[in-house]
């Protein structure tokens, strides 16, 4: 059951996630937001290598991707690339979801304590929290405007899933005589991008 869920259900869930991503809405964001989101995702990947250096390489990349992109979906997409085992996947899922759950309660308090406006609160929540569910829960607990913008920023991070998988594959296989190839990106990541393009095209009614 675990193997079926890991290989089939999570892959399908990753592809379906793309139908919630409208690239036209992302185009309305300031380019500065996109630069900041990209930098934050990169920081998550790099910091996981530093702070988790006592862990296995696969687990470090799983934590970096899970925290930087979209929680369980990113972990599922990254696991085959870094050849993670069940224990590493389970640990990554547990840590990422624990941090996200704590963030649901902590981030609204931080936004209030520092008197952040809607845009600043949305960037805090949408740019850092792990899964879509965490972002929705924390963002809308502040107010509807913050929640809507935080969710949009979160979708911007999810859009980086493909490039991140490609980057992780290259870094993980560095020195292993594996050529630079788009085959490093699993098929369901391409499915995610195709789903996002279909949604953005307007072919599928809302």
Foldseek 3Di string as FASTA:
>chain_A
DVVCCLPPVLLVVLLVVLLVAAVVVVVPDDVVLLVVLVVLLVCLLVVLCVVVVVDDPLLSNLLSQQQSAAHLSLSSQQCVLLVDDPVSSVVSNVVLVVVLVVCLPPLLVVCVVVVPDLVVSLCSLLSGRGHLVSLQSNQCVNPDSSSVSNSNSSSSRNVCSLVSQLVSSCVSCPPVPDDRDSVSGDPSNVSSVVSNVCSNVCVDPD
